[in-house]
C-alpha atoms as a PDB file:
ATOM      1  CA  UNK A   1      -1.047 -65.906 -56.825  1.00  0.00           C
ATOM      2  CA  UNK A   2      -4.440 -66.527 -55.336  1.00  0.00           C
ATOM      3  CA  UNK A   3      -6.899 -67.346 -58.840  1.00  0.00           C
ATOM      4  CA  UNK A   4      -4.069 -69.653 -60.605  1.00  0.00           C
ATOM      5  CA  UNK A   5      -5.532 -73.172 -61.436  1.00  0.00           C
ATOM      6  CA  UNK A   6      -3.475 -75.236 -63.959  1.00  0.00           C
ATOM      7  CA  UNK A   7      -5.534 -77.448 -66.176  1.00  0.00           C
ATOM      8  CA  UNK A   8      -4.650 -80.323 -68.972  1.00  0.00           C
ATOM      9  CA  UNK A   9      -5.170 -78.773 -72.934  1.00  0.00           C
ATOM     10  CA  UNK A  10      -3.902 -80.112 -75.795  1.00  0.00           C
ATOM     11  CA  UNK A  11      -3.549 -76.484 -78.074  1.00  0.00           C
ATOM     12  CA  UNK A  12      -1.763 -76.596 -81.199  1.00  0.00           C
ATOM     13  CA  UNK A  13       2.336 -76.033 -80.138  1.00  0.00           C
ATOM     14  CA  UNK A  14       5.838 -75.310 -81.372  1.00  0.00           C
ATOM     15  CA  UNK A  15       9.369 -75.879 -80.213  1.00  0.00           C
ATOM     16  CA  UNK A  16      11.072 -73.427 -78.317  1.00  0.00           C
ATOM     17  CA  UNK A  17      14.386 -73.435 -75.811  1.00  0.00           C
ATOM     18  CA  UNK A  18      14.949 -71.749 -73.067  1.00  0.00           C
ATOM     19  CA  UNK A  19      17.440 -71.535 -69.890  1.00  0.00           C
ATOM     20  CA  UNK A  20      16.298 -72.152 -66.276  1.00  0.00           C
ATOM     21  CA  UNK A  21      18.003 -72.253 -63.174  1.00  0.00           C
ATOM     22  CA  UNK A  22      18.320 -75.882 -61.954  1.00  0.00           C
ATOM     23  CA  UNK A  23      16.450 -75.238 -58.623  1.00  0.00           C
ATOM     24  CA  UNK A  24      13.330 -73.346 -60.374  1.00  0.00           C
ATOM     25  CA  UNK A  25      13.166 -76.376 -63.030  1.00  0.00           C
ATOM     26  CA  UNK A  26      13.153 -78.979 -59.620  1.00  0.00           C
ATOM     27  CA  UNK A  27      10.832 -77.173 -58.388  1.00  0.00           C
ATOM     28  CA  UNK A  28       8.246 -76.958 -61.298  1.00  0.00           C
ATOM     29  CA  UNK A  29       8.743 -80.903 -62.240  1.00  0.00           C
ATOM     30  CA  UNK A  30       7.596 -81.294 -58.175  1.00  0.00           C
ATOM     31  CA  UNK A  31       4.693 -79.208 -58.695  1.00  0.00           C
ATOM     32  CA  UNK A  32       3.491 -80.552 -62.277  1.00  0.00           C
ATOM     33  CA  UNK A  33       4.167 -84.108 -60.850  1.00  0.00           C
ATOM     34  CA  UNK A  34       1.773 -83.607 -57.748  1.00  0.00           C
ATOM     35  CA  UNK A  35      -0.903 -81.879 -60.419  1.00  0.00           C
ATOM     36  CA  UNK A  36      -0.715 -84.754 -62.825  1.00  0.00           C
ATOM     37  CA  UNK A  37       0.881 -81.908 -65.678  1.00  0.00           C
ATOM     38  CA  UNK A  38       3.728 -82.246 -67.346  1.00  0.00           C
ATOM     39  CA  UNK A  39       6.674 -79.554 -67.054  1.00  0.00           C
ATOM     40  CA  UNK A  40       5.319 -78.059 -70.554  1.00  0.00           C
ATOM     41  CA  UNK A  41       1.803 -78.017 -69.463  1.00  0.00           C
ATOM     42  CA  UNK A  42       2.640 -76.203 -66.082  1.00  0.00           C
ATOM     43  CA  UNK A  43       5.111 -73.599 -67.575  1.00  0.00           C
ATOM     44  CA  UNK A  44       2.716 -72.899 -70.631  1.00  0.00           C
ATOM     45  CA  UNK A  45      -0.255 -71.933 -68.122  1.00  0.00           C
ATOM     46  CA  UNK A  46       2.365 -69.932 -65.809  1.00  0.00           C
ATOM     47  CA  UNK A  47       3.284 -67.817 -68.564  1.00  0.00           C
ATOM     48  CA  UNK A  48      -0.084 -67.289 -69.779  1.00  0.00           C
ATOM     49  CA  UNK A  49      -1.352 -66.109 -66.142  1.00  0.00           C
ATOM     50  CA  UNK A  50       2.068 -64.091 -65.621  1.00  0.00           C
ATOM     51  CA  UNK A  51       1.352 -62.089 -69.144  1.00  0.00           C
ATOM     52  CA  UNK A  52      -2.462 -61.522 -68.352  1.00  0.00           C
ATOM     53  CA  UNK A  53      -1.857 -59.970 -64.907  1.00  0.00           C
ATOM     54  CA  UNK A  54       1.073 -57.994 -65.832  1.00  0.00           C
ATOM     55  CA  UNK A  55       0.735 -54.551 -64.903  1.00  0.00           C
ATOM     56  CA  UNK A  56      -1.257 -52.190 -67.242  1.00  0.00           C
ATOM     57  CA  UNK A  57       2.307 -50.363 -67.903  1.00  0.00           C
ATOM     58  CA  UNK A  58       3.130 -53.206 -69.691  1.00  0.00           C
ATOM     59  CA  UNK A  59       0.606 -54.579 -71.749  1.00  0.00           C
ATOM     60  CA  UNK A  60       0.059 -53.577 -75.319  1.00  0.00           C
ATOM     61  CA  UNK A  61      -3.120 -53.060 -77.051  1.00  0.00           C
END
């Protein structure tokens, strides 16, 4: 994913619960630690990036 640069941010938030594979969480936690981000901050930015880069057929106007 070239062009994706996670950054620290503090927008308004809400709480949700999701289920993730244990290996994915370990990978996310390792990357978040290296970047100095929380797990939540990294996952939020990954989701935003993925949503912004969906194929046009999946985007709604």
